PDB file of N, CA and C in Angstrom:
ATOM      1  N   UNK A   1      83.905 214.791  60.135  1.00  0.00           N
ATOM      2  CA  UNK A   1      82.850 214.453  61.087  1.00  0.00           C
ATOM      3  C   UNK A   1      81.307 216.109  60.945  1.00  0.00           C
ATOM      4  N   UNK A   2      81.621 216.503  60.143  1.00  0.00           N
ATOM      5  CA  UNK A   2      79.989 217.318  59.607  1.00  0.00           C
ATOM      6  C   UNK A   2      79.545 216.357  58.819  1.00  0.00           C
ATOM      7  N   UNK A   3      80.102 215.702  57.708  1.00  0.00           N
ATOM      8  CA  UNK A   3      79.528 214.766  56.935  1.00  0.00           C
ATOM      9  C   UNK A   3      78.462 214.175  57.996  1.00  0.00           C
ATOM     10  N   UNK A   4      79.030 213.262  59.065  1.00  0.00           N
ATOM     11  CA  UNK A   4      78.387 212.497  60.022  1.00  0.00           C
ATOM     12  C   UNK A   4      77.206 212.882  60.633  1.00  0.00           C
ATOM     13  N   UNK A   5      77.763 214.374  61.177  1.00  0.00           N
ATOM     14  CA  UNK A   5      76.270 215.127  61.905  1.00  0.00           C
ATOM     15  C   UNK A   5      75.355 215.511  60.837  1.00  0.00           C
ATOM     16  N   UNK A   6      75.541 216.145  59.331  1.00  0.00           N
ATOM     17  CA  UNK A   6      74.731 216.439  58.678  1.00  0.00           C
ATOM     18  C   UNK A   6      74.078 214.965  58.591  1.00  0.00           C
ATOM     19  N   UNK A   7      74.131 213.458  58.334  1.00  0.00           N
ATOM     20  CA  UNK A   7      73.299 212.498  57.922  1.00  0.00           C
ATOM     21  C   UNK A   7      73.028 211.843  59.299  1.00  0.00           C
ATOM     22  N   UNK A   8      73.263 212.194  60.872  1.00  0.00           N
ATOM     23  CA  UNK A   8      72.516 212.115  61.384  1.00  0.00           C
ATOM     24  C   UNK A   8      71.361 212.745  61.642  1.00  0.00           C
ATOM     25  N   UNK A   9      71.647 213.820  61.739  1.00  0.00           N
ATOM     26  CA  UNK A   9      70.508 215.280  61.441  1.00  0.00           C
ATOM     27  C   UNK A   9      69.196 214.470  60.455  1.00  0.00           C
ATOM     28  N   UNK A  10      69.755 214.175  59.735  1.00  0.00           N
ATOM     29  CA  UNK A  10      69.035 213.489  58.136  1.00  0.00           C
ATOM     30  C   UNK A  10      67.732 212.588  58.888  1.00  0.00           C
ATOM     31  N   UNK A  11      68.689 212.003  59.309  1.00  0.00           N
ATOM     32  CA  UNK A  11      68.373 210.189  59.484  1.00  0.00           C
ATOM     33  C   UNK A  11      67.076 210.734  60.863  1.00  0.00           C
ATOM     34  N   UNK A  12      67.351 211.731  61.716  1.00  0.00           N
ATOM     35  CA  UNK A  12      66.614 211.515  62.528  1.00  0.00           C
ATOM     36  C   UNK A  12      65.240 212.481  62.092  1.00  0.00           C
ATOM     37  N   UNK A  13      65.523 213.290  61.372  1.00  0.00           N
ATOM     38  CA  UNK A  13      64.486 213.866  60.618  1.00  0.00           C
ATOM     39  C   UNK A  13      63.641 212.954  60.253  1.00  0.00           C
ATOM     40  N   UNK A  14      63.978 211.962  59.160  1.00  0.00           N
ATOM     41  CA  UNK A  14      63.458 210.685  58.520  1.00  0.00           C
ATOM     42  C   UNK A  14      62.400 210.169  59.396  1.00  0.00           C
ATOM     43  N   UNK A  15      63.231 209.630  60.875  1.00  0.00           N
ATOM     44  CA  UNK A  15      62.385 208.868  61.680  1.00  0.00           C
ATOM     45  C   UNK A  15      60.731 209.203  62.325  1.00  0.00           C
ATOM     46  N   UNK A  16      61.629 211.129  62.374  1.00  0.00           N
ATOM     47  CA  UNK A  16      60.313 212.108  63.041  1.00  0.00           C
ATOM     48  C   UNK A  16      59.273 212.488  62.249  1.00  0.00           C
ATOM     49  N   UNK A  17      59.138 212.276  60.453  1.00  0.00           N
ATOM     50  CA  UNK A  17      58.734 212.204  59.489  1.00  0.00           C
ATOM     51  C   UNK A  17      57.758 211.058  59.810  1.00  0.00           C
ATOM     52  N   UNK A  18      58.732 209.583  59.758  1.00  0.00           N
ATOM     53  CA  UNK A  18      57.368 208.286  59.547  1.00  0.00           C
ATOM     54  C   UNK A  18      56.568 208.593  61.034  1.00  0.00           C
ATOM     55  N   UNK A  19      57.076 209.061  62.241  1.00  0.00           N
ATOM     56  CA  UNK A  19      56.689 208.409  63.200  1.00  0.00           C
ATOM     57  C   UNK A  19      55.070 209.169  63.521  1.00  0.00           C
ATOM     58  N   UNK A  20      55.386 210.548  62.806  1.00  0.00           N
ATOM     59  CA  UNK A  20      53.908 211.509  63.023  1.00  0.00           C
ATOM     60  C   UNK A  20      53.116 210.790  62.105  1.00  0.00           C
ATOM     61  N   UNK A  21      53.535 210.069  60.363  1.00  0.00           N
ATOM     62  CA  UNK A  21      53.040 209.868  59.529  1.00  0.00           C
ATOM     63  C   UNK A  21      52.213 208.025  60.493  1.00  0.00           C
ATOM     64  N   UNK A  22      53.191 207.657  61.535  1.00  0.00           N
ATOM     65  CA  UNK A  22      52.612 206.691  62.341  1.00  0.00           C
ATOM     66  C   UNK A  22      51.616 207.375  63.191  1.00  0.00           C
ATOM     67  N   UNK A  23      51.534 208.664  63.879  1.00  0.00           N
ATOM     68  CA  UNK A  23      51.243 209.203  65.119  1.00  0.00           C
ATOM     69  C   UNK A  23      49.312 209.248  64.346  1.00  0.00           C
ATOM     70  N   UNK A  24      49.117 209.670  62.785  1.00  0.00           N
ATOM     71  CA  UNK A  24      48.308 210.051  62.523  1.00  0.00           C
ATOM     72  C   UNK A  24      47.459 209.110  62.044  1.00  0.00           C
ATOM     73  N   UNK A  25      47.519 207.883  62.544  1.00  0.00           N
ATOM     74  CA  UNK A  25      47.071 206.885  61.791  1.00  0.00           C
ATOM     75  C   UNK A  25      47.409 206.666  60.189  1.00  0.00           C
ATOM     76  N   UNK A  26      48.363 207.014  59.357  1.00  0.00           N
ATOM     77  CA  UNK A  26      48.458 206.560  57.821  1.00  0.00           C
ATOM     78  C   UNK A  26      48.253 205.330  57.892  1.00  0.00           C
ATOM     79  N   UNK A  27      47.630 204.996  56.739  1.00  0.00           N
ATOM     80  CA  UNK A  27      47.567 203.287  55.761  1.00  0.00           C
ATOM     81  C   UNK A  27      48.869 202.301  55.780  1.00  0.00           C
ATOM     82  N   UNK A  28      49.118 201.446  56.241  1.00  0.00           N
ATOM     83  CA  UNK A  28      50.541 201.151  55.542  1.00  0.00           C
ATOM     84  C   UNK A  28      50.827 200.671  54.087  1.00  0.00           C
ATOM     85  N   UNK A  29      51.904 200.215  54.270  1.00  0.00           N
ATOM     86  CA  UNK A  29      52.265 200.384  52.803  1.00  0.00           C
ATOM     87  C   UNK A  29      51.835 199.059  52.147  1.00  0.00           C
ATOM     88  N   UNK A  30      51.135 199.091  50.952  1.00  0.00           N
ATOM     89  CA  UNK A  30      50.804 197.050  50.704  1.00  0.00           C
ATOM     90  C   UNK A  30      51.423 197.295  49.259  1.00  0.00           C
ATOM     91  N   UNK A  31      50.961 195.582  49.120  1.00  0.00           N
ATOM     92  CA  UNK A  31      51.968 195.178  47.712  1.00  0.00           C
ATOM     93  C   UNK A  31      50.959 195.095  46.785  1.00  0.00           C
ATOM     94  N   UNK A  32      50.790 194.753  45.569  1.00  0.00           N
ATOM     95  CA  UNK A  32      50.271 195.062  44.353  1.00  0.00           C
ATOM     96  C   UNK A  32      49.927 193.785  43.845  1.00  0.00           C
ATOM     97  N   UNK A  33      49.834 192.982  44.819  1.00  0.00           N
ATOM     98  CA  UNK A  33      49.763 191.306  44.644  1.00  0.00           C
ATOM     99  C   UNK A  33      49.995 190.799  42.712  1.00  0.00           C
ATOM    100  N   UNK A  34      51.051 191.100  42.770  1.00  0.00           N
ATOM    101  CA  UNK A  34      51.928 190.490  41.301  1.00  0.00           C
ATOM    102  C   UNK A  34      52.325 191.116  40.513  1.00  0.00           C
ATOM    103  N   UNK A  35      52.253 192.714  40.727  1.00  0.00           N
ATOM    104  CA  UNK A  35      52.567 193.709  39.579  1.00  0.00           C
ATOM    105  C   UNK A  35      52.043 193.130  38.551  1.00  0.00           C
ATOM    106  N   UNK A  36      52.342 194.191  37.282  1.00  0.00           N
ATOM    107  CA  UNK A  36      51.770 194.256  36.491  1.00  0.00           C
ATOM    108  C   UNK A  36      52.088 193.069  35.421  1.00  0.00           C
ATOM    109  N   UNK A  37      50.698 192.115  34.571  1.00  0.00           N
ATOM    110  CA  UNK A  37      51.284 191.044  33.705  1.00  0.00           C
ATOM    111  C   UNK A  37      51.556 190.138  34.083  1.00  0.00           C
ATOM    112  N   UNK A  38      52.101 189.937  35.883  1.00  0.00           N
ATOM    113  CA  UNK A  38      52.654 188.563  35.939  1.00  0.00           C
ATOM    114  C   UNK A  38      51.127 187.687  36.952  1.00  0.00           C
ATOM    115  N   UNK A  39      51.606 186.810  36.112  1.00  0.00           N
ATOM    116  CA  UNK A  39      50.370 185.944  36.663  1.00  0.00           C
ATOM    117  C   UNK A  39      50.798 184.876  37.638  1.00  0.00           C
ATOM    118  N   UNK A  40      51.661 185.025  38.694  1.00  0.00           N
ATOM    119  CA  UNK A  40      52.278 184.414  39.774  1.00  0.00           C
ATOM    120  C   UNK A  40      51.523 185.430  40.761  1.00  0.00           C
ATOM    121  N   UNK A  41      50.291 185.239  41.297  1.00  0.00           N
ATOM    122  CA  UNK A  41      50.111 186.298  42.264  1.00  0.00           C
ATOM    123  C   UNK A  41      50.089 185.002  43.585  1.00  0.00           C
ATOM    124  N   UNK A  42      50.166 185.527  44.539  1.00  0.00           N
ATOM    125  CA  UNK A  42      50.559 184.786  45.685  1.00  0.00           C
ATOM    126  C   UNK A  42      49.636 184.554  46.708  1.00  0.00           C
ATOM    127  N   UNK A  43      48.787 185.804  46.859  1.00  0.00           N
ATOM    128  CA  UNK A  43      48.397 186.771  47.609  1.00  0.00           C
ATOM    129  C   UNK A  43      46.918 185.752  47.980  1.00  0.00           C
ATOM    130  N   UNK A  44      46.628 185.415  49.083  1.00  0.00           N
ATOM    131  CA  UNK A  44      45.112 184.751  49.908  1.00  0.00           C
ATOM    132  C   UNK A  44      44.301 185.333  49.164  1.00  0.00           C
ATOM    133  N   UNK A  45      43.948 186.592  49.339  1.00  0.00           N
ATOM    134  CA  UNK A  45      42.618 187.292  49.031  1.00  0.00           C
ATOM    135  C   UNK A  45      43.221 188.438  48.003  1.00  0.00           C
ATOM    136  N   UNK A  46      42.669 188.278  46.417  1.00  0.00           N
ATOM    137  CA  UNK A  46      42.940 189.453  45.568  1.00  0.00           C
ATOM    138  C   UNK A  46      42.812 190.716  45.872  1.00  0.00           C
ATOM    139  N   UNK A  47      43.595 191.378  45.196  1.00  0.00           N
ATOM    140  CA  UNK A  47      43.538 193.072  45.683  1.00  0.00           C
ATOM    141  C   UNK A  47      42.719 193.405  44.287  1.00  0.00           C
ATOM    142  N   UNK A  48      41.764 194.760  44.837  1.00  0.00           N
ATOM    143  CA  UNK A  48      40.526 195.074  43.734  1.00  0.00           C
ATOM    144  C   UNK A  48      41.637 195.363  42.469  1.00  0.00           C
ATOM    145  N   UNK A  49      42.569 195.962  42.637  1.00  0.00           N
ATOM    146  CA  UNK A  49      43.509 196.030  41.360  1.00  0.00           C
ATOM    147  C   UNK A  49      43.822 194.623  40.489  1.00  0.00           C
ATOM    148  N   UNK A  50      44.165 193.846  40.980  1.00  0.00           N
ATOM    149  CA  UNK A  50      44.526 192.491  40.499  1.00  0.00           C
ATOM    150  C   UNK A  50      42.987 191.677  39.865  1.00  0.00           C
ATOM    151  N   UNK A  51      42.295 192.117  40.843  1.00  0.00           N
ATOM    152  CA  UNK A  51      40.677 191.298  40.434  1.00  0.00           C
ATOM    153  C   UNK A  51      40.193 192.157  39.053  1.00  0.00           C
ATOM    154  N   UNK A  52      40.454 193.224  38.844  1.00  0.00           N
ATOM    155  CA  UNK A  52      40.187 193.740  37.494  1.00  0.00           C
ATOM    156  C   UNK A  52      41.074 193.762  36.289  1.00  0.00           C
ATOM    157  N   UNK A  53      41.987 193.090  36.702  1.00  0.00           N
ATOM    158  CA  UNK A  53      43.393 192.796  35.706  1.00  0.00           C
ATOM    159  C   UNK A  53      42.564 191.758  35.137  1.00  0.00           C
ATOM    160  N   UNK A  54      42.709 190.676  36.156  1.00  0.00           N
ATOM    161  CA  UNK A  54      42.533 189.794  35.496  1.00  0.00           C
ATOM    162  C   UNK A  54      41.123 189.244  35.140  1.00  0.00           C
ATOM    163  N   UNK A  55      39.679 189.867  35.256  1.00  0.00           N
ATOM    164  CA  UNK A  55      38.881 190.072  34.694  1.00  0.00           C
ATOM    165  C   UNK A  55      38.890 190.620  32.620  1.00  0.00           C
ATOM    166  N   UNK A  56      39.448 191.808  33.152  1.00  0.00           N
ATOM    167  CA  UNK A  56      39.821 191.951  31.869  1.00  0.00           C
ATOM    168  C   UNK A  56      40.476 191.137  30.915  1.00  0.00           C
ATOM    169  N   UNK A  57      41.600 190.374  31.357  1.00  0.00           N
ATOM    170  CA  UNK A  57      42.345 189.585  31.021  1.00  0.00           C
ATOM    171  C   UNK A  57      41.367 187.840  30.289  1.00  0.00           C
ATOM    172  N   UNK A  58      40.462 187.915  30.967  1.00  0.00           N
ATOM    173  CA  UNK A  58      39.567 187.111  30.608  1.00  0.00           C
ATOM    174  C   UNK A  58      38.443 187.288  29.352  1.00  0.00           C
ATOM    175  N   UNK A  59      38.067 188.512  28.960  1.00  0.00           N
ATOM    176  CA  UNK A  59      37.488 189.117  28.815  1.00  0.00           C
ATOM    177  C   UNK A  59      37.816 189.039  27.130  1.00  0.00           C
ATOM    178  N   UNK A  60      39.172 189.746  27.205  1.00  0.00           N
ATOM    179  CA  UNK A  60      39.942 189.460  25.909  1.00  0.00           C
ATOM    180  C   UNK A  60      40.092 187.934  25.470  1.00  0.00           C
ATOM    181  N   UNK A  61      40.529 187.558  26.567  1.00  0.00           N
ATOM    182  CA  UNK A  61      41.054 186.577  25.413  1.00  0.00           C
ATOM    183  C   UNK A  61      39.551 185.375  25.039  1.00  0.00           C
ATOM    184  N   UNK A  62      38.648 185.604  25.760  1.00  0.00           N
ATOM    185  CA  UNK A  62      37.074 184.779  25.717  1.00  0.00           C
ATOM    186  C   UNK A  62      36.472 185.217  24.419  1.00  0.00           C
TER     187      UNK A  62
END
């Protein structure tokens, strides 16, 4: 029973910490547009990191 109570208290603590993040307007977690070295970007609008990677790849290939 003690394990259940400790786990329950821990989960409540995690939920409270996440709620504080939402209350203070923290930005949402965002993806990386395909990841490192991946050419399969399914994003409609590419992120800045992906644009920079594509530009570097184009310069080094050309």
